[in-house]
Amino acid sequence: MLNLKSYSDSSYHNEELKPLTRYCFDKVQQRAQLKQSVSKLVTILFPELEKLVPSLHLASVYTLLSELPSVREIASCHLAHLTKLLESASKGRYSRKKAIEIRESDRTSISSNMPARSLELRHTLRLIGELDSEITEIESEIKRIMDRISSPILTIPGTGYRMGVMILAEIWDFSRFDSPDKILAYAGASPSTYQSGQLESSYSHMEKRGSRYLRFALINAT
């Protein structure tokens, strides 16, 4: 006889949370790849910039490169406009002194003028901006569901919000698993077994089957 369970609010929330966390994860991965592309393009177009700012992946730097995606454009930009651009984008953190520093560095840069690469950089930054908006919207929806659930998983020390939510979304009902080993197997994080005749290897790799999302979350939370 089948033991059928009634459809509950909990089941409904899980059906919503799981695809949302996976969708968000994929978007974050896409953004990370685009940021790597930005780093490579800046190395080609303006290699000195990385030493002038704490990180290339700041809103102020992105704003600068979106409007002036080449050394030639930055070097020829009026100082007053460059200063205003940096001050506004950095919320006052960068002043006229930083604008002068960047412009002077541009004028002595070893990079070459490459319009095609500049266009690629501008488009890549635009895509990152779009992904930022999408990720914010998805995370807002995830938070709405989590507020209704009030799961204790977020109280576990060392478990960040994003990883905790992903673990919950992939496993949901921990009672479905008889042991932690079965959860690891579901995540594809359990060691594989290699046998050849009477030889059994004790140095095995992870199976990497099952939910790659759960595997990522468990490894990062650990």
N, C-alpha and C. Protein backbone atom coordinates (compact mmCIF):
# COMPACT_ATOMS: atom_id res chain seq x y z
N MET A 1 0.84 -1.20 0.00
CA MET A 1 0.00 0.00 0.00
C MET A 1 0.88 1.25 0.00
N LEU A 2 0.57 2.18 -0.86
CA LEU A 2 1.36 3.40 -0.96
C LEU A 2 1.08 4.32 0.21
N ASN A 3 2.16 4.92 0.73
CA ASN A 3 2.02 5.88 1.83
C ASN A 3 2.09 7.28 1.24
N LEU A 4 0.97 7.79 0.87
CA LEU A 4 0.91 9.09 0.21
C LEU A 4 0.83 10.21 1.23
N LYS A 5 1.64 11.26 0.99
CA LYS A 5 1.63 12.42 1.88
C LYS A 5 0.84 13.56 1.26
N SER A 6 0.12 14.27 2.08
CA SER A 6 -0.67 15.39 1.58
C SER A 6 0.24 16.53 1.13
N TYR A 7 -0.23 17.29 0.17
CA TYR A 7 0.52 18.42 -0.33
C TYR A 7 0.40 19.58 0.65
N SER A 8 1.53 20.03 1.18
CA SER A 8 1.52 21.03 2.24
C SER A 8 2.13 22.34 1.76
N ASP A 9 1.99 23.37 2.61
CA ASP A 9 2.63 24.66 2.32
C ASP A 9 4.14 24.49 2.24
N SER A 10 4.66 23.58 3.08
CA SER A 10 6.09 23.31 3.09
C SER A 10 6.54 22.78 1.73
N SER A 11 5.76 21.88 1.15
CA SER A 11 6.10 21.33 -0.16
C SER A 11 6.05 22.42 -1.23
N TYR A 12 5.07 23.28 -1.11
CA TYR A 12 4.94 24.39 -2.07
C TYR A 12 6.16 25.31 -2.01
N HIS A 13 6.59 25.66 -0.80
CA HIS A 13 7.75 26.53 -0.64
C HIS A 13 9.01 25.88 -1.21
N ASN A 14 9.12 24.57 -1.03
CA ASN A 14 10.30 23.86 -1.56
C ASN A 14 10.32 23.89 -3.08
N GLU A 15 9.15 23.72 -3.68
CA GLU A 15 9.06 23.76 -5.14
C GLU A 15 9.44 25.13 -5.69
N GLU A 16 9.20 26.15 -4.90
CA GLU A 16 9.57 27.51 -5.31
C GLU A 16 11.04 27.79 -5.02
N LEU A 17 11.52 27.37 -3.85
CA LEU A 17 12.86 27.73 -3.40
C LEU A 17 13.95 27.03 -4.21
N LYS A 18 13.76 25.78 -4.52
CA LYS A 18 14.79 25.00 -5.21
C LYS A 18 15.14 25.57 -6.59
N PRO A 19 14.15 25.80 -7.46
CA PRO A 19 14.51 26.38 -8.77
C PRO A 19 15.05 27.81 -8.65
N LEU A 20 14.59 28.56 -7.65
CA LEU A 20 15.09 29.93 -7.47
C LEU A 20 16.56 29.94 -7.08
N THR A 21 16.95 29.06 -6.13
CA THR A 21 18.35 29.03 -5.69
C THR A 21 19.25 28.53 -6.81
N ARG A 22 18.78 27.58 -7.59
CA ARG A 22 19.58 27.08 -8.71
C ARG A 22 19.72 28.16 -9.79
N TYR A 23 18.64 28.85 -10.03
CA TYR A 23 18.66 29.93 -11.02
C TYR A 23 19.61 31.04 -10.58
N CYS A 24 19.57 31.37 -9.30
CA CYS A 24 20.45 32.40 -8.75
C CYS A 24 21.91 31.96 -8.83
N PHE A 25 22.16 30.70 -8.51
CA PHE A 25 23.52 30.16 -8.57
C PHE A 25 24.09 30.28 -9.97
N ASP A 26 23.30 29.90 -10.96
CA ASP A 26 23.76 29.96 -12.35
C ASP A 26 24.04 31.40 -12.78
N LYS A 27 23.21 32.32 -12.33
CA LYS A 27 23.41 33.74 -12.64
C LYS A 27 24.71 34.26 -12.01
N VAL A 28 24.96 33.86 -10.77
CA VAL A 28 26.17 34.29 -10.08
C VAL A 28 27.41 33.73 -10.79
N GLN A 29 27.31 32.49 -11.26
CA GLN A 29 28.43 31.89 -11.99
C GLN A 29 28.69 32.63 -13.31
N GLN A 30 27.61 32.99 -13.98
CA GLN A 30 27.75 33.76 -15.23
C GLN A 30 28.44 35.09 -14.96
N ARG A 31 28.05 35.74 -13.88
CA ARG A 31 28.65 37.03 -13.53
C ARG A 31 30.13 36.89 -13.20
N ALA A 32 30.47 35.81 -12.51
CA ALA A 32 31.88 35.57 -12.16
C ALA A 32 32.73 35.39 -13.42
N GLN A 33 32.19 34.71 -14.41
CA GLN A 33 32.92 34.52 -15.67
C GLN A 33 33.10 35.85 -16.40
N LEU A 34 32.07 36.68 -16.37
CA LEU A 34 32.17 37.98 -17.01
C LEU A 34 33.18 38.87 -16.30
N LYS A 35 33.26 38.76 -14.99
CA LYS A 35 34.24 39.55 -14.25
C LYS A 35 35.67 39.12 -14.59
N GLN A 36 35.85 37.84 -14.84
CA GLN A 36 37.15 37.36 -15.29
C GLN A 36 37.50 37.97 -16.65
N SER A 37 36.50 38.09 -17.50
CA SER A 37 36.71 38.71 -18.82
C SER A 37 37.10 40.17 -18.67
N VAL A 38 36.46 40.87 -17.71
CA VAL A 38 36.80 42.27 -17.46
C VAL A 38 38.26 42.39 -17.04
N SER A 39 38.70 41.52 -16.14
CA SER A 39 40.08 41.56 -15.67
C SER A 39 41.06 41.37 -16.83
N LYS A 40 40.75 40.44 -17.73
CA LYS A 40 41.62 40.19 -18.87
C LYS A 40 41.65 41.38 -19.83
N LEU A 41 40.49 41.97 -20.06
CA LEU A 41 40.40 43.10 -20.97
C LEU A 41 41.13 44.32 -20.41
N VAL A 42 41.01 44.55 -19.11
CA VAL A 42 41.71 45.69 -18.50
C VAL A 42 43.22 45.48 -18.57
N THR A 43 43.65 44.25 -18.45
CA THR A 43 45.08 43.94 -18.58
C THR A 43 45.60 44.34 -19.95
N ILE A 44 44.75 44.21 -20.95
CA ILE A 44 45.12 44.58 -22.32
C ILE A 44 45.00 46.08 -22.54
N LEU A 45 43.90 46.65 -22.07
CA LEU A 45 43.58 48.05 -22.38
C LEU A 45 44.22 49.07 -21.44
N PHE A 46 44.39 48.69 -20.18
CA PHE A 46 44.92 49.63 -19.20
C PHE A 46 45.56 48.85 -18.05
N PRO A 47 46.71 48.21 -18.29
CA PRO A 47 47.32 47.34 -17.28
C PRO A 47 47.71 48.04 -15.98
N GLU A 48 47.92 49.35 -16.02
CA GLU A 48 48.33 50.09 -14.82
C GLU A 48 47.18 50.35 -13.84
N LEU A 49 45.94 50.21 -14.31
CA LEU A 49 44.79 50.57 -13.49
C LEU A 49 44.68 49.73 -12.22
N GLU A 50 45.02 48.46 -12.31
CA GLU A 50 44.87 47.55 -11.18
C GLU A 50 45.68 48.01 -9.96
N LYS A 51 46.80 48.71 -10.21
CA LYS A 51 47.64 49.19 -9.10
C LYS A 51 47.12 50.51 -8.52
N LEU A 52 46.18 51.14 -9.21
CA LEU A 52 45.67 52.44 -8.77
C LEU A 52 44.39 52.35 -7.96
N VAL A 53 43.76 51.18 -7.96
CA VAL A 53 42.48 50.99 -7.25
C VAL A 53 42.55 49.72 -6.39
N PRO A 54 41.76 49.66 -5.31
CA PRO A 54 41.76 48.46 -4.45
C PRO A 54 41.35 47.20 -5.19
N SER A 55 40.42 47.35 -6.12
CA SER A 55 39.93 46.23 -6.92
C SER A 55 39.35 46.76 -8.22
N LEU A 56 39.48 45.98 -9.27
CA LEU A 56 38.89 46.38 -10.55
C LEU A 56 37.37 46.27 -10.51
N HIS A 57 36.87 45.43 -9.59
CA HIS A 57 35.43 45.14 -9.57
C HIS A 57 34.71 45.97 -8.53
N LEU A 58 34.87 47.28 -8.66
CA LEU A 58 34.16 48.25 -7.84
C LEU A 58 33.20 49.04 -8.73
N ALA A 59 32.12 49.52 -8.14
CA ALA A 59 31.14 50.29 -8.92
C ALA A 59 31.80 51.51 -9.56
N SER A 60 32.71 52.15 -8.84
CA SER A 60 33.38 53.35 -9.36
C SER A 60 34.25 53.03 -10.56
N VAL A 61 34.95 51.90 -10.50
CA VAL A 61 35.82 51.49 -11.61
C VAL A 61 34.97 51.09 -12.81
N TYR A 62 33.89 50.37 -12.56
CA TYR A 62 33.00 49.97 -13.65
C TYR A 62 32.38 51.19 -14.34
N THR A 63 32.01 52.17 -13.55
CA THR A 63 31.43 53.39 -14.11
C THR A 63 32.45 54.11 -14.99
N LEU A 64 33.68 54.19 -14.51
CA LEU A 64 34.76 54.82 -15.27
C LEU A 64 34.98 54.11 -16.60
N LEU A 65 35.10 52.78 -16.55
CA LEU A 65 35.40 52.01 -17.75
C LEU A 65 34.21 51.91 -18.70
N SER A 66 33.01 52.02 -18.17
CA SER A 66 31.82 51.99 -19.04
C SER A 66 31.76 53.23 -19.92
N GLU A 67 32.14 54.37 -19.35
CA GLU A 67 32.10 55.62 -20.11
C GLU A 67 33.39 55.86 -20.89
N LEU A 68 34.52 55.43 -20.32
CA LEU A 68 35.82 55.66 -20.95
C LEU A 68 36.59 54.34 -20.99
N PRO A 69 36.24 53.46 -21.93
CA PRO A 69 36.82 52.11 -21.94
C PRO A 69 38.16 51.97 -22.66
N SER A 70 38.94 53.03 -22.69
CA SER A 70 40.26 52.94 -23.32
C SER A 70 41.18 53.98 -22.71
N VAL A 71 42.47 53.72 -22.79
CA VAL A 71 43.47 54.65 -22.28
C VAL A 71 43.38 56.00 -22.98
N ARG A 72 43.19 55.97 -24.29
CA ARG A 72 43.14 57.20 -25.06
C ARG A 72 41.97 58.08 -24.61
N GLU A 73 40.81 57.47 -24.36
CA GLU A 73 39.63 58.24 -23.95
C GLU A 73 39.82 58.84 -22.55
N ILE A 74 40.42 58.08 -21.64
CA ILE A 74 40.65 58.59 -20.29
C ILE A 74 41.68 59.71 -20.30
N ALA A 75 42.75 59.51 -21.07
CA ALA A 75 43.83 60.50 -21.12
C ALA A 75 43.37 61.82 -21.72
N SER A 76 42.43 61.75 -22.65
CA SER A 76 41.96 62.96 -23.32
C SER A 76 40.73 63.57 -22.63
N CYS A 77 40.23 62.90 -21.59
CA CYS A 77 39.04 63.39 -20.89
C CYS A 77 39.38 64.65 -20.08
N HIS A 78 38.48 65.62 -20.10
CA HIS A 78 38.70 66.84 -19.32
C HIS A 78 38.77 66.48 -17.84
N LEU A 79 39.74 67.03 -17.14
CA LEU A 79 39.99 66.69 -15.75
C LEU A 79 38.77 66.94 -14.87
N ALA A 80 38.04 68.03 -15.12
CA ALA A 80 36.86 68.35 -14.31
C ALA A 80 35.79 67.27 -14.46
N HIS A 81 35.60 66.80 -15.70
CA HIS A 81 34.60 65.75 -15.94
C HIS A 81 35.04 64.43 -15.31
N LEU A 82 36.32 64.09 -15.45
CA LEU A 82 36.84 62.85 -14.88
C LEU A 82 36.72 62.86 -13.35
N THR A 83 37.04 64.01 -12.76
CA THR A 83 36.93 64.14 -11.30
C THR A 83 35.49 63.96 -10.84
N LYS A 84 34.57 64.61 -11.52
CA LYS A 84 33.15 64.51 -11.17
C LYS A 84 32.64 63.08 -11.33
N LEU A 85 33.08 62.43 -12.39
CA LEU A 85 32.68 61.05 -12.66
C LEU A 85 33.13 60.12 -11.54
N LEU A 86 34.38 60.26 -11.14
CA LEU A 86 34.94 59.41 -10.09
C LEU A 86 34.33 59.72 -8.72
N GLU A 87 34.17 60.99 -8.42
CA GLU A 87 33.59 61.38 -7.13
C GLU A 87 32.16 60.86 -6.98
N SER A 88 31.38 60.99 -8.05
CA SER A 88 29.99 60.54 -8.01
C SER A 88 29.90 59.03 -7.89
N ALA A 89 30.69 58.33 -8.71
CA ALA A 89 30.63 56.86 -8.73
C ALA A 89 31.15 56.25 -7.44
N SER A 90 32.13 56.90 -6.81
CA SER A 90 32.72 56.38 -5.57
C SER A 90 32.08 56.96 -4.32
N LYS A 91 31.06 57.80 -4.50
CA LYS A 91 30.37 58.47 -3.39
C LYS A 91 31.34 59.29 -2.54
N GLY A 92 32.22 60.01 -3.24
CA GLY A 92 33.14 60.93 -2.57
C GLY A 92 34.45 60.32 -2.12
N ARG A 93 34.62 59.02 -2.34
CA ARG A 93 35.86 58.37 -1.90
C ARG A 93 37.05 58.79 -2.76
N TYR A 94 36.80 58.97 -4.07
CA TYR A 94 37.86 59.40 -4.99
C TYR A 94 37.70 60.88 -5.29
N SER A 95 38.80 61.60 -5.21
CA SER A 95 38.79 63.05 -5.41
C SER A 95 39.56 63.44 -6.67
N ARG A 96 39.81 64.72 -6.82
CA ARG A 96 40.56 65.25 -7.96
C ARG A 96 41.96 64.62 -8.02
N LYS A 97 42.53 64.35 -6.84
CA LYS A 97 43.87 63.76 -6.80
C LYS A 97 43.90 62.40 -7.48
N LYS A 98 42.89 61.59 -7.24
CA LYS A 98 42.81 60.26 -7.88
C LYS A 98 42.58 60.41 -9.38
N ALA A 99 41.78 61.38 -9.78
CA ALA A 99 41.53 61.61 -11.20
C ALA A 99 42.84 61.98 -11.91
N ILE A 100 43.63 62.83 -11.30
CA ILE A 100 44.92 63.22 -11.88
C ILE A 100 45.84 62.01 -11.97
N GLU A 101 45.85 61.21 -10.92
CA GLU A 101 46.70 60.03 -10.87
C GLU A 101 46.36 59.06 -11.99
N ILE A 102 45.07 58.83 -12.19
CA ILE A 102 44.63 57.91 -13.24
C ILE A 102 44.93 58.47 -14.63
N ARG A 103 44.65 59.75 -14.82
CA ARG A 103 44.86 60.34 -16.14
C ARG A 103 46.35 60.38 -16.50
N GLU A 104 47.20 60.71 -15.54
CA GLU A 104 48.64 60.75 -15.79
C GLU A 104 49.18 59.35 -16.09
N SER A 105 48.64 58.37 -15.40
CA SER A 105 49.06 56.99 -15.64
C SER A 105 48.64 56.54 -17.04
N ASP A 106 47.47 57.01 -17.48
CA ASP A 106 47.00 56.68 -18.82
C ASP A 106 47.94 57.23 -19.89
N ARG A 107 48.43 58.41 -19.66
CA ARG A 107 49.26 59.06 -20.66
C ARG A 107 50.62 58.39 -20.83
N THR A 108 51.04 57.63 -19.83
CA THR A 108 52.31 56.91 -19.91
C THR A 108 52.11 55.40 -20.00
N SER A 109 50.86 54.98 -20.25
CA SER A 109 50.54 53.56 -20.28
C SER A 109 51.22 52.85 -21.44
N ILE A 110 51.55 51.58 -21.20
CA ILE A 110 52.19 50.76 -22.24
C ILE A 110 51.15 50.09 -23.14
N SER A 111 49.90 50.29 -22.85
CA SER A 111 48.85 49.66 -23.65
C SER A 111 48.71 50.32 -25.01
N SER A 112 48.01 49.63 -25.90
CA SER A 112 47.77 50.18 -27.23
C SER A 112 46.28 50.44 -27.42
N ASN A 113 45.95 51.28 -28.37
CA ASN A 113 44.55 51.60 -28.64
C ASN A 113 43.89 50.47 -29.43
N MET A 114 42.88 49.84 -28.84
CA MET A 114 42.20 48.70 -29.48
C MET A 114 40.69 48.90 -29.36
N PRO A 115 40.09 49.60 -30.33
CA PRO A 115 38.65 49.91 -30.28
C PRO A 115 37.75 48.68 -30.12
N ALA A 116 38.13 47.56 -30.75
CA ALA A 116 37.30 46.36 -30.66
C ALA A 116 37.26 45.83 -29.23
N ARG A 117 38.40 45.86 -28.57
CA ARG A 117 38.47 45.41 -27.19
C ARG A 117 37.73 46.37 -26.25
N SER A 118 37.80 47.65 -26.54
CA SER A 118 37.09 48.65 -25.74
C SER A 118 35.58 48.43 -25.83
N LEU A 119 35.11 48.12 -27.03
CA LEU A 119 33.69 47.84 -27.22
C LEU A 119 33.29 46.59 -26.46
N GLU A 120 34.13 45.58 -26.51
CA GLU A 120 33.87 44.33 -25.78
C GLU A 120 33.80 44.60 -24.28
N LEU A 121 34.70 45.43 -23.78
CA LEU A 121 34.70 45.77 -22.35
C LEU A 121 33.41 46.48 -21.96
N ARG A 122 33.01 47.44 -22.76
CA ARG A 122 31.78 48.19 -22.46
C ARG A 122 30.57 47.27 -22.43
N HIS A 123 30.48 46.37 -23.39
CA HIS A 123 29.36 45.44 -23.45
C HIS A 123 29.39 44.45 -22.29
N THR A 124 30.58 44.01 -21.92
CA THR A 124 30.71 43.07 -20.80
C THR A 124 30.26 43.72 -19.50
N LEU A 125 30.65 44.96 -19.30
CA LEU A 125 30.23 45.69 -18.10
C LEU A 125 28.71 45.89 -18.07
N ARG A 126 28.13 46.11 -19.24
CA ARG A 126 26.68 46.26 -19.32
C ARG A 126 25.98 44.97 -18.93
N LEU A 127 26.52 43.83 -19.38
CA LEU A 127 25.94 42.54 -19.04
C LEU A 127 26.05 42.26 -17.55
N ILE A 128 27.16 42.65 -16.94
CA ILE A 128 27.33 42.48 -15.50
C ILE A 128 26.29 43.30 -14.74
N GLY A 129 26.05 44.52 -15.20
CA GLY A 129 25.04 45.36 -14.59
C GLY A 129 23.65 44.74 -14.66
N GLU A 130 23.33 44.14 -15.80
CA GLU A 130 22.04 43.48 -15.96
C GLU A 130 21.92 42.27 -15.02
N LEU A 131 23.02 41.51 -14.91
CA LEU A 131 23.02 40.35 -14.03
C LEU A 131 22.90 40.77 -12.57
N ASP A 132 23.53 41.88 -12.21
CA ASP A 132 23.41 42.40 -10.84
C ASP A 132 21.94 42.65 -10.48
N SER A 133 21.22 43.28 -11.41
CA SER A 133 19.80 43.58 -11.18
C SER A 133 18.97 42.30 -11.08
N GLU A 134 19.27 41.33 -11.94
CA GLU A 134 18.53 40.07 -11.93
C GLU A 134 18.79 39.29 -10.64
N ILE A 135 20.06 39.24 -10.22
CA ILE A 135 20.41 38.51 -9.00
C ILE A 135 19.75 39.15 -7.78
N THR A 136 19.74 40.48 -7.74
CA THR A 136 19.08 41.19 -6.63
C THR A 136 17.59 40.84 -6.58
N GLU A 137 16.95 40.78 -7.72
CA GLU A 137 15.52 40.46 -7.79
C GLU A 137 15.26 39.02 -7.34
N ILE A 138 16.11 38.10 -7.79
CA ILE A 138 15.95 36.69 -7.40
C ILE A 138 16.17 36.52 -5.91
N GLU A 139 17.23 37.16 -5.38
CA GLU A 139 17.53 37.04 -3.95
C GLU A 139 16.42 37.65 -3.08
N SER A 140 15.78 38.67 -3.58
CA SER A 140 14.66 39.27 -2.86
C SER A 140 13.50 38.28 -2.74
N GLU A 141 13.26 37.53 -3.82
CA GLU A 141 12.18 36.53 -3.80
C GLU A 141 12.55 35.37 -2.88
N ILE A 142 13.83 34.98 -2.90
CA ILE A 142 14.29 33.91 -2.01
C ILE A 142 14.11 34.32 -0.55
N LYS A 143 14.45 35.56 -0.24
CA LYS A 143 14.32 36.06 1.13
C LYS A 143 12.87 36.06 1.58
N ARG A 144 11.98 36.40 0.66
CA ARG A 144 10.55 36.41 0.99
C ARG A 144 10.10 35.01 1.43
N ILE A 145 10.56 33.99 0.72
CA ILE A 145 10.19 32.61 1.07
C ILE A 145 10.84 32.21 2.38
N MET A 146 12.12 32.56 2.55
CA MET A 146 12.83 32.18 3.77
C MET A 146 12.22 32.85 5.00
N ASP A 147 11.73 34.05 4.86
CA ASP A 147 11.07 34.73 5.99
C ASP A 147 9.81 33.99 6.43
N ARG A 148 9.13 33.36 5.47
CA ARG A 148 7.93 32.60 5.81
C ARG A 148 8.28 31.26 6.47
N ILE A 149 9.41 30.70 6.03
CA ILE A 149 9.81 29.39 6.54
C ILE A 149 10.40 29.48 7.94
N SER A 150 11.22 30.52 8.17
CA SER A 150 11.94 30.69 9.44
C SER A 150 12.74 29.44 9.78
N SER A 151 13.57 29.00 8.85
CA SER A 151 14.35 27.78 9.05
C SER A 151 15.52 28.00 10.01
N PRO A 152 15.78 27.03 10.91
CA PRO A 152 16.91 27.14 11.85
C PRO A 152 18.27 26.93 11.17
N ILE A 153 18.28 26.53 9.90
CA ILE A 153 19.56 26.25 9.23
C ILE A 153 20.44 27.49 9.18
N LEU A 154 19.83 28.68 9.17
CA LEU A 154 20.60 29.91 9.08
C LEU A 154 21.26 30.27 10.41
N THR A 155 20.92 29.54 11.48
CA THR A 155 21.54 29.80 12.78
C THR A 155 22.79 28.96 12.99
N ILE A 156 23.10 28.06 12.07
CA ILE A 156 24.29 27.21 12.20
C ILE A 156 25.54 28.07 12.03
N PRO A 157 26.45 28.08 12.99
CA PRO A 157 27.68 28.89 12.88
C PRO A 157 28.48 28.53 11.64
N GLY A 158 28.91 29.56 10.92
CA GLY A 158 29.72 29.35 9.73
C GLY A 158 28.93 29.13 8.46
N THR A 159 27.62 28.99 8.59
CA THR A 159 26.78 28.80 7.39
C THR A 159 26.23 30.15 6.95
N GLY A 160 26.76 30.67 5.87
CA GLY A 160 26.29 31.94 5.36
C GLY A 160 24.88 31.83 4.81
N TYR A 161 24.27 32.96 4.58
CA TYR A 161 22.87 32.97 4.12
C TYR A 161 22.72 32.23 2.79
N ARG A 162 23.57 32.57 1.82
CA ARG A 162 23.42 31.98 0.48
C ARG A 162 23.63 30.48 0.51
N MET A 163 24.68 30.00 1.23
CA MET A 163 24.96 28.56 1.28
C MET A 163 23.88 27.83 2.09
N GLY A 164 23.44 28.45 3.19
CA GLY A 164 22.40 27.83 4.01
C GLY A 164 21.10 27.64 3.25
N VAL A 165 20.72 28.65 2.49
CA VAL A 165 19.49 28.57 1.69
C VAL A 165 19.62 27.49 0.62
N MET A 166 20.78 27.39 0.00
CA MET A 166 20.97 26.39 -1.06
C MET A 166 20.92 24.98 -0.49
N ILE A 167 21.53 24.78 0.67
CA ILE A 167 21.50 23.46 1.30
C ILE A 167 20.06 23.08 1.63
N LEU A 168 19.32 24.02 2.20
CA LEU A 168 17.92 23.76 2.56
C LEU A 168 17.09 23.46 1.32
N ALA A 169 17.29 24.22 0.26
CA ALA A 169 16.50 24.04 -0.96
C ALA A 169 16.75 22.68 -1.60
N GLU A 170 18.01 22.20 -1.54
CA GLU A 170 18.34 20.93 -2.19
C GLU A 170 17.93 19.72 -1.34
N ILE A 171 18.05 19.84 -0.01
CA ILE A 171 17.72 18.70 0.86
C ILE A 171 16.29 18.79 1.35
N TRP A 172 15.91 19.95 1.83
CA TRP A 172 14.59 20.29 2.37
C TRP A 172 14.23 19.46 3.59
N ASP A 173 13.83 18.23 3.39
CA ASP A 173 13.41 17.38 4.51
C ASP A 173 14.55 16.42 4.84
N PHE A 174 15.28 16.72 5.92
CA PHE A 174 16.44 15.90 6.28
C PHE A 174 16.04 14.49 6.70
N SER A 175 14.80 14.30 7.08
CA SER A 175 14.34 12.97 7.52
C SER A 175 14.26 11.99 6.34
N ARG A 176 14.37 12.50 5.13
CA ARG A 176 14.36 11.61 3.96
C ARG A 176 15.63 10.77 3.88
N PHE A 177 16.67 11.19 4.60
CA PHE A 177 17.95 10.50 4.55
C PHE A 177 18.22 9.80 5.88
N ASP A 178 18.62 8.53 5.80
CA ASP A 178 18.84 7.74 7.01
C ASP A 178 20.14 8.10 7.72
N SER A 179 21.10 8.68 6.98
CA SER A 179 22.40 8.99 7.59
C SER A 179 23.07 10.13 6.81
N PRO A 180 24.07 10.78 7.45
CA PRO A 180 24.82 11.83 6.74
C PRO A 180 25.49 11.31 5.47
N ASP A 181 25.90 10.03 5.48
CA ASP A 181 26.55 9.45 4.30
C ASP A 181 25.63 9.48 3.09
N LYS A 182 24.33 9.29 3.34
CA LYS A 182 23.39 9.29 2.22
C LYS A 182 23.18 10.71 1.67
N ILE A 183 23.31 11.71 2.55
CA ILE A 183 23.24 13.09 2.08
C ILE A 183 24.46 13.41 1.22
N LEU A 184 25.64 12.93 1.65
CA LEU A 184 26.86 13.14 0.86
C LEU A 184 26.75 12.43 -0.49
N ALA A 185 26.16 11.23 -0.47
CA ALA A 185 25.99 10.50 -1.73
C ALA A 185 25.04 11.24 -2.66
N TYR A 186 23.98 11.82 -2.08
CA TYR A 186 23.03 12.60 -2.87
C TYR A 186 23.70 13.82 -3.49
N ALA A 187 24.66 14.38 -2.76
CA ALA A 187 25.39 15.55 -3.26
C ALA A 187 26.52 15.16 -4.19
N GLY A 188 26.83 13.85 -4.25
CA GLY A 188 27.96 13.42 -5.08
C GLY A 188 29.29 13.77 -4.44
N ALA A 189 29.28 13.92 -3.10
CA ALA A 189 30.50 14.29 -2.39
C ALA A 189 31.12 13.11 -1.64
N SER A 190 30.54 11.93 -1.79
CA SER A 190 31.10 10.76 -1.12
C SER A 190 32.23 10.18 -1.96
N PRO A 191 33.21 9.50 -1.34
CA PRO A 191 34.35 8.96 -2.10
C PRO A 191 33.92 7.81 -3.01
N SER A 192 34.49 7.78 -4.18
CA SER A 192 34.20 6.69 -5.11
C SER A 192 35.03 5.46 -4.71
N THR A 193 34.63 4.32 -5.18
CA THR A 193 35.36 3.08 -4.89
C THR A 193 35.97 2.53 -6.16
N TYR A 194 37.27 2.24 -6.09
CA TYR A 194 37.95 1.67 -7.25
C TYR A 194 38.43 0.27 -6.89
N GLN A 195 37.99 -0.71 -7.65
CA GLN A 195 38.40 -2.09 -7.42
C GLN A 195 38.87 -2.71 -8.72
N SER A 196 39.94 -3.48 -8.60
CA SER A 196 40.45 -4.22 -9.74
C SER A 196 40.94 -5.56 -9.21
N GLY A 197 40.16 -6.59 -9.47
CA GLY A 197 40.49 -7.88 -8.89
C GLY A 197 40.32 -7.83 -7.39
N GLN A 198 41.40 -8.12 -6.67
CA GLN A 198 41.36 -8.09 -5.21
C GLN A 198 41.87 -6.76 -4.65
N LEU A 199 42.22 -5.85 -5.55
CA LEU A 199 42.72 -4.54 -5.12
C LEU A 199 41.58 -3.55 -4.96
N GLU A 200 41.57 -2.88 -3.82
CA GLU A 200 40.58 -1.83 -3.57
C GLU A 200 41.32 -0.57 -3.16
N SER A 201 41.15 0.48 -3.94
CA SER A 201 41.89 1.71 -3.69
C SER A 201 41.37 2.44 -2.46
N SER A 202 42.29 2.97 -1.64
CA SER A 202 41.92 3.77 -0.46
C SER A 202 42.11 5.25 -0.73
N TYR A 203 42.54 5.59 -1.95
CA TYR A 203 42.74 6.99 -2.33
C TYR A 203 41.77 7.33 -3.45
N SER A 204 40.52 7.58 -3.08
CA SER A 204 39.47 7.78 -4.06
C SER A 204 39.07 9.25 -4.17
N HIS A 205 38.57 9.61 -5.33
CA HIS A 205 38.07 10.97 -5.55
C HIS A 205 36.57 11.00 -5.27
N MET A 206 36.04 12.22 -5.16
CA MET A 206 34.59 12.35 -5.00
C MET A 206 33.89 11.84 -6.25
N GLU A 207 32.72 11.28 -6.06
CA GLU A 207 31.96 10.75 -7.19
C GLU A 207 31.48 11.85 -8.13
N LYS A 208 31.15 13.02 -7.54
CA LYS A 208 30.66 14.16 -8.30
C LYS A 208 29.43 13.81 -9.13
N ARG A 209 28.54 13.07 -8.52
CA ARG A 209 27.24 12.80 -9.12
C ARG A 209 26.18 13.49 -8.28
N GLY A 210 24.94 13.37 -8.67
CA GLY A 210 23.88 13.98 -7.88
C GLY A 210 23.81 15.48 -8.07
N SER A 211 23.43 16.19 -7.02
CA SER A 211 23.20 17.63 -7.10
C SER A 211 24.50 18.42 -6.99
N ARG A 212 24.92 19.03 -8.06
CA ARG A 212 26.14 19.84 -8.02
C ARG A 212 25.92 21.11 -7.19
N TYR A 213 24.69 21.54 -7.08
CA TYR A 213 24.37 22.72 -6.28
C TYR A 213 24.56 22.42 -4.79
N LEU A 214 24.08 21.27 -4.36
CA LEU A 214 24.24 20.87 -2.96
C LEU A 214 25.71 20.62 -2.65
N ARG A 215 26.42 19.99 -3.58
CA ARG A 215 27.84 19.72 -3.37
C ARG A 215 28.62 21.03 -3.19
N PHE A 216 28.32 22.00 -4.04
CA PHE A 216 28.99 23.31 -3.95
C PHE A 216 28.70 23.96 -2.60
N ALA A 217 27.43 23.92 -2.18
CA ALA A 217 27.04 24.57 -0.93
C ALA A 217 27.67 23.91 0.28
N LEU A 218 27.70 22.59 0.30
CA LEU A 218 28.26 21.86 1.43
C LEU A 218 29.76 22.11 1.55
N ILE A 219 30.46 22.07 0.42
CA ILE A 219 31.91 22.28 0.43
C ILE A 219 32.25 23.69 0.89
N ASN A 220 31.51 24.67 0.38
CA ASN A 220 31.78 26.07 0.76
C ASN A 220 31.38 26.36 2.20
N ALA A 221 30.29 25.77 2.67
CA ALA A 221 29.89 25.96 4.05
C ALA A 221 30.90 25.32 5.00
N THR A 222 31.43 24.17 4.59
CA THR A 222 32.42 23.49 5.40
C THR A 222 33.71 24.30 5.50
